[in-house]
Protein backbone atom coordinates (compact mmCIF):
# COMPACT_ATOMS: atom_id res chain seq x y z
CA UNK A 1 38.22 -57.08 54.71
CA UNK A 2 38.17 -59.69 52.10
CA UNK A 3 40.30 -62.73 51.14
CA UNK A 4 42.52 -63.54 48.09
CA UNK A 5 39.54 -63.75 45.70
CA UNK A 6 38.86 -60.03 45.97
CA UNK A 7 40.50 -58.96 42.78
CA UNK A 8 38.86 -61.48 40.65
CA UNK A 9 35.65 -60.80 42.35
CA UNK A 10 35.84 -57.05 41.55
CA UNK A 11 36.50 -57.91 37.92
CA UNK A 12 33.44 -60.54 37.80
CA UNK A 13 31.05 -57.94 39.37
CA UNK A 14 32.07 -55.26 36.70
CA UNK A 15 31.67 -57.79 33.98
CA UNK A 16 28.00 -58.88 35.11
CA UNK A 17 26.96 -55.45 36.32
CA UNK A 18 28.04 -53.81 32.81
CA UNK A 19 26.55 -56.63 30.80
CA UNK A 20 22.97 -55.87 31.88
CA UNK A 21 23.50 -52.30 30.94
CA UNK A 22 25.17 -52.55 27.62
CA UNK A 23 22.89 -55.32 26.34
CA UNK A 24 20.01 -53.07 26.80
CA UNK A 25 21.68 -50.11 25.21
CA UNK A 26 23.20 -52.07 22.21
CA UNK A 27 21.35 -55.26 21.57
CA UNK A 28 23.75 -58.42 21.23
CA UNK A 29 26.54 -56.57 23.02
CA UNK A 30 28.70 -58.87 25.32
CA UNK A 31 31.00 -58.12 28.18
CA UNK A 32 34.47 -60.19 28.21
CA UNK A 33 37.44 -60.21 30.37
CA UNK A 34 40.09 -61.20 27.83
CA UNK A 35 43.43 -59.54 26.89
CA UNK A 36 42.91 -57.11 24.03
CA UNK A 37 45.45 -58.94 22.00
CA UNK A 38 43.31 -62.03 21.62
CA UNK A 39 41.09 -60.73 18.89
CA UNK A 40 38.85 -63.46 17.73
CA UNK A 41 39.82 -65.64 20.56
CA UNK A 42 38.18 -63.88 23.46
CA UNK A 43 37.27 -60.20 22.91
CA UNK A 44 33.69 -59.66 21.40
CA UNK A 45 32.74 -58.68 17.99
CA UNK A 46 30.26 -56.17 19.39
CA UNK A 47 30.70 -55.39 23.18
CA UNK A 48 33.08 -54.26 25.87
CA UNK A 49 36.40 -56.05 26.92
CA UNK A 50 37.51 -55.32 30.78
CA UNK A 51 41.08 -56.04 31.26
CA UNK A 52 42.99 -55.57 34.59
CA UNK A 53 46.31 -54.21 33.09
CA UNK A 54 47.85 -52.84 36.48
CA UNK A 55 47.55 -53.15 40.28
CA UNK A 56 49.21 -50.58 42.50
CA UNK A 57 49.59 -50.12 46.33
CA UNK A 58 46.90 -47.65 47.53
CA UNK A 59 48.98 -44.41 48.65
CA UNK A 60 46.84 -43.82 51.62
CA UNK A 61 46.27 -47.24 53.24
CA UNK A 62 49.29 -49.23 52.27
CA UNK A 63 50.87 -49.13 55.51
CA UNK A 64 47.92 -48.70 57.59
CA UNK A 65 48.29 -52.04 59.44
CA UNK A 66 51.99 -51.70 60.23
CA UNK A 67 53.31 -53.34 62.51
CA UNK A 68 51.47 -56.67 62.30
CA UNK A 69 53.96 -58.65 64.57
CA UNK A 70 55.22 -58.26 68.11
CA UNK A 71 58.99 -58.62 68.78
CA UNK A 72 58.55 -62.47 69.17
CA UNK A 73 57.23 -62.80 65.60
CA UNK A 74 53.50 -63.27 66.69
CA UNK A 75 50.84 -61.79 64.69
CA UNK A 76 49.10 -59.04 66.50
CA UNK A 77 46.66 -58.23 63.87
CA UNK A 78 45.79 -59.58 60.23
CA UNK A 79 48.07 -58.04 57.69
CA UNK A 80 46.16 -56.42 54.93
CA UNK A 81 47.28 -55.37 51.53
CA UNK A 82 45.46 -52.23 49.91
CA UNK A 83 45.54 -52.17 46.28
CA UNK A 84 44.01 -49.93 43.46
CA UNK A 85 43.26 -51.81 40.20
CA UNK A 86 43.68 -50.18 36.92
CA UNK A 87 41.25 -51.42 34.18
CA UNK A 88 41.18 -50.83 30.32
CA UNK A 89 37.86 -50.99 28.96
CA UNK A 90 37.95 -51.49 25.31
CA UNK A 91 34.88 -51.19 22.89
CA UNK A 92 34.29 -53.10 19.79
CA UNK A 93 31.52 -53.17 17.01
CA UNK A 94 30.54 -51.75 13.74
CA UNK A 95 32.30 -48.38 13.21
CA UNK A 96 29.79 -47.46 10.35
CA UNK A 97 26.91 -47.79 13.14
CA UNK A 98 29.14 -46.12 15.90
CA UNK A 99 28.67 -49.15 18.25
CA UNK A 100 32.01 -48.70 20.08
CA UNK A 101 31.00 -45.00 20.76
CA UNK A 102 27.44 -46.09 21.88
CA UNK A 103 28.77 -48.65 24.11
CA UNK A 104 31.47 -46.19 25.46
CA UNK A 105 28.75 -43.58 26.24
CA UNK A 106 26.59 -46.25 27.98
CA UNK A 107 29.52 -47.45 30.34
CA UNK A 108 30.47 -43.88 31.24
CA UNK A 109 26.93 -42.80 31.92
CA UNK A 110 26.55 -45.92 34.04
CA UNK A 111 29.93 -45.60 36.15
CA UNK A 112 29.71 -41.95 36.75
CA UNK A 113 26.00 -42.38 37.99
CA UNK A 114 26.75 -45.34 40.21
CA UNK A 115 30.57 -45.27 40.72
CA UNK A 116 30.75 -47.99 43.14
CA UNK A 117 30.17 -51.95 43.67
CA UNK A 118 27.51 -52.41 46.05
CA UNK A 119 27.32 -55.37 48.59
CA UNK A 120 24.21 -56.85 46.87
CA UNK A 121 26.05 -56.46 43.43
CA UNK A 122 28.91 -58.51 44.85
CA UNK A 123 26.73 -61.11 46.55
CA UNK A 124 24.71 -61.46 43.33
CA UNK A 125 27.92 -62.14 41.40
CA UNK A 126 29.42 -64.67 44.06
CA UNK A 127 26.08 -66.53 43.99
CA UNK A 128 25.71 -66.65 40.23
CA UNK A 129 26.68 -70.30 39.11
CA UNK A 130 28.53 -68.85 35.93
CA UNK A 131 31.11 -67.74 38.58
CA UNK A 132 31.27 -70.59 40.96
CA UNK A 133 34.87 -70.42 41.44
CA UNK A 134 34.21 -67.27 43.35
CA UNK A 135 31.77 -68.94 45.74
CA UNK A 136 34.37 -68.46 48.74
CA UNK A 137 34.86 -64.81 48.08
CA UNK A 138 33.89 -62.50 51.10
CA UNK A 139 34.29 -59.10 49.47
CA UNK A 140 30.45 -58.39 49.99
CA UNK A 141 31.36 -58.28 53.78
CA UNK A 142 33.99 -55.53 53.24
CA UNK A 143 33.03 -52.24 55.27
CA UNK A 144 34.11 -49.97 52.59
CA UNK A 145 32.72 -50.43 48.94
CA UNK A 146 34.84 -50.50 45.95
CA UNK A 147 34.52 -47.13 44.01
CA UNK A 148 35.34 -46.51 40.40
CA UNK A 149 37.00 -43.40 39.00
CA UNK A 150 38.14 -42.55 35.52
CA UNK A 151 41.88 -42.47 34.72
CA UNK A 152 43.26 -39.72 32.57
CA UNK A 153 45.81 -41.58 30.29
CA UNK A 154 47.61 -39.32 27.80
CA UNK A 155 47.70 -39.98 24.20
CA UNK A 156 51.32 -41.35 24.47
CA UNK A 157 50.36 -43.70 27.59
CA UNK A 158 47.65 -45.09 25.43
CA UNK A 159 49.86 -45.50 22.42
CA UNK A 160 52.62 -47.39 24.52
CA UNK A 161 49.80 -49.53 26.38
CA UNK A 162 48.53 -50.78 22.95
CA UNK A 163 51.73 -50.94 20.77
CA UNK A 164 54.15 -52.25 23.35
CA UNK A 165 52.01 -54.12 25.82
CA UNK A 166 49.34 -55.54 23.61
CA UNK A 167 51.02 -55.08 20.22
CA UNK A 168 47.76 -55.15 18.59
CA UNK A 169 45.86 -52.32 16.55
CA UNK A 170 44.29 -49.72 18.86
CA UNK A 171 40.42 -49.86 20.01
CA UNK A 172 38.35 -47.20 21.39
CA UNK A 173 39.11 -47.31 25.22
CA UNK A 174 38.68 -45.73 28.62
CA UNK A 175 40.53 -46.48 31.71
CA UNK A 176 39.27 -46.74 35.17
CA UNK A 177 40.60 -47.26 38.68
CA UNK A 178 38.87 -49.38 41.31
CA UNK A 179 39.73 -48.55 44.91
CA UNK A 180 40.50 -49.52 47.49
CA UNK A 181 40.57 -53.60 47.48
CA UNK A 182 41.55 -54.77 50.79
CA UNK A 183 43.09 -58.04 50.80
CA UNK A 184 43.53 -59.62 54.41
CA UNK A 185 45.78 -62.71 55.37
CA UNK A 186 43.57 -65.40 56.88
CA UNK A 187 45.62 -66.07 60.03
CA UNK A 188 44.66 -65.97 63.85
CA UNK A 189 46.40 -63.12 65.65
CA UNK A 190 47.14 -63.30 69.37
CA UNK A 191 44.36 -61.79 71.55
CA UNK A 192 45.86 -59.76 74.53
CA UNK A 193 44.17 -59.53 77.95
CA UNK A 194 41.77 -56.86 78.23
CA UNK A 195 42.99 -53.38 79.78
CA UNK A 196 41.48 -52.87 83.07
CA UNK A 197 42.43 -49.18 83.53
CA UNK A 198 43.49 -46.54 81.08
CA UNK A 199 45.72 -43.76 82.07
CA UNK A 200 46.96 -41.04 80.03
CA UNK A 201 50.43 -39.26 80.66
CA UNK A 202 51.28 -36.03 78.62
CA UNK A 203 54.58 -34.33 78.92
CA UNK A 204 56.19 -31.36 77.03
CA UNK A 205 58.67 -32.37 74.53
CA UNK A 206 62.07 -31.12 76.17
CA UNK A 207 65.01 -33.23 74.87
CA UNK A 208 68.15 -33.10 77.01
CA UNK A 209 71.08 -31.43 75.47
CA UNK A 210 74.69 -31.91 76.39
CA UNK A 211 76.87 -28.90 75.51
CA UNK A 212 80.14 -30.16 76.95
CA UNK A 213 81.55 -32.70 79.72
CA UNK A 214 84.30 -31.90 82.22
CA UNK A 215 87.04 -33.14 82.29
CA UNK A 216 87.27 -34.59 78.94
CA UNK A 217 90.12 -37.01 80.05
CA UNK A 218 89.74 -38.75 83.31
CA UNK A 219 90.43 -41.84 85.23
CA UNK A 220 88.31 -44.60 86.54
CA UNK A 221 86.17 -43.75 89.74
CA UNK A 222 86.61 -39.86 88.91
CA UNK A 223 83.42 -37.43 88.72
CA UNK A 224 82.15 -36.59 85.23
CA UNK A 225 80.47 -33.19 84.88
CA UNK A 226 77.80 -32.84 82.45
CA UNK A 227 76.91 -29.10 81.23
CA UNK A 228 73.79 -28.70 78.94
CA UNK A 229 70.01 -27.76 78.79
CA UNK A 230 67.06 -29.50 80.14
CA UNK A 231 69.10 -32.12 81.84
CA UNK A 232 66.61 -32.77 84.66
CA UNK A 233 63.91 -35.24 84.01
CA UNK A 234 61.22 -37.11 85.75
CA UNK A 235 63.66 -39.95 86.09
CA UNK A 236 67.21 -39.38 84.98
CA UNK A 237 69.75 -41.83 84.05
CA UNK A 238 73.20 -41.55 82.59
CA UNK A 239 74.10 -43.96 79.99
CA UNK A 240 77.78 -44.89 79.29
CA UNK A 241 77.69 -47.35 76.21
CA UNK A 242 75.51 -50.13 77.69
CA UNK A 243 76.11 -49.24 81.20
CA UNK A 244 73.56 -46.99 83.04
CA UNK A 245 74.56 -44.85 86.22
CA UNK A 246 72.61 -42.71 88.69
CA UNK A 247 73.59 -39.05 88.81
CA UNK A 248 75.25 -37.73 92.15
CA UNK A 249 73.66 -34.30 91.65
CA UNK A 250 71.37 -32.87 88.99
CA UNK A 251 69.71 -29.76 87.98
CA UNK A 252 68.52 -28.30 84.67
CA UNK A 253 71.99 -27.07 83.60
CA UNK A 254 74.49 -29.54 85.19
CA UNK A 255 74.79 -33.21 86.28
CA UNK A 256 77.60 -34.91 88.04
CA UNK A 257 78.12 -38.66 87.94
CA UNK A 258 80.80 -40.88 89.23
CA UNK A 259 82.07 -43.11 86.51
CA UNK A 260 81.00 -46.80 86.82
CA UNK A 261 83.96 -49.10 87.82
CA UNK A 262 82.87 -51.45 84.81
CA UNK A 263 83.82 -49.13 82.16
CA UNK A 264 86.96 -50.10 80.19
CA UNK A 265 89.45 -47.55 79.28
CA UNK A 266 89.31 -45.88 75.91
CA UNK A 267 87.02 -43.61 74.14
CA UNK A 268 83.80 -43.69 75.73
CA UNK A 269 80.37 -41.86 75.15
CA UNK A 270 78.07 -40.59 77.62
CA UNK A 271 74.30 -39.75 77.26
CA UNK A 272 71.47 -38.30 79.43
CA UNK A 273 68.15 -40.59 79.50
CA UNK A 274 64.80 -39.25 80.82
CA UNK A 275 62.34 -41.84 81.96
CA UNK A 276 58.88 -41.17 83.01
CA UNK A 277 57.09 -42.85 85.90
CA UNK A 278 53.42 -43.50 85.31
CA UNK A 279 50.96 -46.35 86.00
CA UNK A 280 49.79 -47.77 89.06
CA UNK A 281 52.26 -48.37 90.78
CA UNK A 282 54.68 -46.20 89.17
CA UNK A 283 56.95 -47.85 86.47
CA UNK A 284 59.61 -46.13 84.70
CA UNK A 285 58.97 -45.69 80.83
CA UNK A 286 61.44 -44.78 78.23
CA UNK A 287 61.20 -41.02 77.46
CA UNK A 288 63.74 -38.72 75.70
CA UNK A 289 67.24 -39.27 75.01
CA UNK A 290 70.05 -36.60 74.66
CA UNK A 291 72.85 -36.18 72.10
CA UNK A 292 75.87 -38.50 72.61
CA UNK A 293 79.19 -36.85 73.80
CA UNK A 294 82.71 -38.57 73.83
CA UNK A 295 85.01 -38.42 76.49
CA UNK A 296 88.40 -40.49 77.33
CA UNK A 297 88.74 -42.84 80.26
CA UNK A 298 92.37 -43.36 81.03
CA UNK A 299 94.00 -46.52 82.19
CA UNK A 300 95.93 -46.32 85.47
CA UNK A 301 99.09 -48.40 86.29
CA UNK A 302 98.37 -49.70 89.66
CA UNK A 303 101.70 -51.78 90.31
CA UNK A 304 103.72 -50.05 92.78
CA UNK A 305 107.10 -48.50 91.57
CA UNK A 306 109.88 -48.52 91.03
CA UNK A 307 109.71 -50.22 87.79
CA UNK A 308 113.01 -51.87 86.23
CA UNK A 309 113.46 -54.51 83.58
CA UNK A 310 116.31 -56.02 81.48
CA UNK A 311 116.51 -56.43 77.78
CA UNK A 312 114.68 -59.64 76.95
CA UNK A 313 112.93 -59.80 80.36
CA UNK A 314 109.27 -59.90 81.21
CA UNK A 315 107.71 -56.73 82.77
CA UNK A 316 104.50 -57.59 84.43
CA UNK A 317 102.22 -54.59 85.13
CA UNK A 318 98.69 -54.35 86.73
CA UNK A 319 95.86 -51.99 85.56
CA UNK A 320 92.66 -50.27 86.35
CA UNK A 321 89.94 -50.64 85.27
CA UNK A 322 89.95 -53.90 83.45
CA UNK A 323 91.02 -53.99 79.97
CA UNK A 324 88.70 -56.00 77.43
CA UNK A 325 90.16 -58.85 75.31
CA UNK A 326 89.46 -57.17 71.93
CA UNK A 327 91.24 -53.85 73.22
CA UNK A 328 94.59 -52.61 71.72
CA UNK A 329 97.11 -52.51 74.39
CA UNK A 330 100.69 -51.20 73.98
CA UNK A 331 103.53 -50.22 76.64
CA UNK A 332 105.24 -46.84 75.91
CA UNK A 333 108.76 -46.69 77.14
CA UNK A 334 109.92 -43.12 76.51
CA UNK A 335 109.38 -42.89 72.64
CA UNK A 336 109.42 -46.56 72.17
CA UNK A 337 106.33 -48.78 71.63
CA UNK A 338 106.11 -52.28 72.95
CA UNK A 339 102.80 -53.60 71.61
CA UNK A 340 100.89 -56.55 73.48
CA UNK A 341 100.29 -59.43 71.17
CA UNK A 342 96.93 -60.02 70.02
CA UNK A 343 94.90 -62.02 72.59
CA UNK A 344 93.10 -65.38 71.52
CA UNK A 345 89.36 -66.08 71.92
CA UNK A 346 90.21 -68.53 74.85
CA UNK A 347 91.66 -65.62 77.04
CA UNK A 348 89.57 -64.03 79.65
CA UNK A 349 87.09 -61.47 78.58
CA UNK A 350 88.67 -58.96 80.80
CA UNK A 351 91.92 -58.73 82.46
CA UNK A 352 93.64 -56.45 85.00
CA UNK A 353 97.40 -57.66 84.51
CA UNK A 354 99.61 -58.26 81.33
CA UNK A 355 103.07 -59.42 80.59
CA UNK A 356 105.23 -57.37 78.40
CA UNK A 357 108.30 -58.51 76.72
CA UNK A 358 111.21 -56.09 76.67
CA UNK A 359 112.77 -56.59 73.25
CA UNK A 360 116.58 -57.32 72.88
CA UNK A 361 118.36 -55.17 71.84
CA UNK A 362 116.49 -52.36 73.53
CA UNK A 363 117.87 -48.94 74.53
CA UNK A 364 119.03 -48.72 78.04
CA UNK A 365 118.61 -45.98 80.59
CA UNK A 366 115.63 -44.24 82.51
CA UNK A 367 112.46 -43.63 80.67
CA UNK A 368 108.89 -42.28 81.43
CA UNK A 369 106.44 -45.16 81.62
CA UNK A 370 102.80 -45.06 79.96
CA UNK A 371 100.40 -47.74 78.75
CA UNK A 372 98.04 -46.82 75.91
CA UNK A 373 94.59 -48.87 75.51
CA UNK A 374 92.61 -47.85 72.41
CA UNK A 375 94.32 -44.68 72.05
CA UNK A 376 93.81 -43.67 75.65
CA UNK A 377 97.25 -43.24 77.45
CA UNK A 378 97.64 -43.35 81.21
CA UNK A 379 98.67 -40.18 82.94
CA UNK A 380 101.96 -39.07 83.65
CA UNK A 381 103.19 -37.30 86.94
CA UNK A 382 104.02 -33.35 86.83
CA UNK A 383 106.52 -31.81 89.21
CA UNK A 384 104.44 -29.11 91.03
CA UNK A 385 107.34 -27.92 93.09
CA UNK A 386 108.14 -24.33 91.92
CA UNK A 387 111.61 -24.65 93.54
CA UNK A 388 112.45 -27.70 91.76
CA UNK A 389 114.62 -27.63 88.78
CA UNK A 390 112.10 -29.80 86.94
CA UNK A 391 109.15 -27.77 87.89
CA UNK A 392 106.02 -28.37 85.37
CA UNK A 393 107.81 -31.14 83.73
CA UNK A 394 107.01 -34.89 83.60
CA UNK A 395 108.87 -36.76 86.39
CA UNK A 396 107.10 -40.18 86.43
CA UNK A 397 106.40 -42.99 86.62
CA UNK A 398 110.04 -43.91 85.62
CA UNK A 399 111.28 -47.29 84.39
CA UNK A 400 114.96 -48.26 84.04
CA UNK A 401 116.04 -50.62 81.48
CA UNK A 402 119.27 -52.25 81.99
């Protein structure tokens, strides 16, 4: 790994290494690192100009270090940025003596025969007084050397680079990529305690699948039957929203579970969770999760009948299970809806009893009574006496409005 000076160190090492090469092949040639549009103010009359025109994340190593922090925000390892450096090498000199072409041949020969920056080359550059500003660079200690490879730029890409980016006449050029340059954040990560014992736990992937639940509408305390595939796990739990329950019975095709008393009425969801026991001693670890399936939990009116109320009076009813403060509650008297006013943040989080005001005027007579909570309605009683004139009809609960 290397610090923030890595990019500049690569450029300086290239400049220093190529200076000795082209100086021997074309006497008087110099290597510079100026923008190509600074003719007369940085680029050489005879020589090579190296310009870093683009940096890109390395496609292979860009996310190799993720994640770098734990859930508490503490660094577990040093973040590392992996970069590819794209260089434009422009050649200058007398065209009637083919100096740019001679310089191009010299550079291509050298970078093809020795396409990497060795540790010694980097250390020599860092130790050179001419590059004193790179004295703190540690690129020479990196595990992998920086390798150079030619880039294939089309004529259109080259023309855009020179005419739009530099806005200067084209000079004979070649593009090279230096990869990979790893820049490491100089922070101190936390050091975990050593592992005393290693254990390997392998299981086949068999995700539980819920096909259906029976019944789809039920009251609190009832038993829910879950049908599906691969339902039995090493440790099987049933998840109702944020509430967990232990199955009453279980096999690969069916699970029965009693609904937790803490579930609030309305549309609820069920999911099968498979945990795995491993470690010494055994500890449950999260494994596979099934699909989520909805069902309806009905509210139940627990106030004993008979129910009577006058117009303009208050009707107090108790319910089971508890109803949440944010839930929508309405009383259904026959076909008439009496909504419960929106509760305030100061009201209790859950309640079992509510006061409903019967509007005045209101139709008088005898009506079927229901309560609706988040779309789930309390059950009505059906006459099952085959000899009764109301057989198979709703007969209660009944409220009388006077």
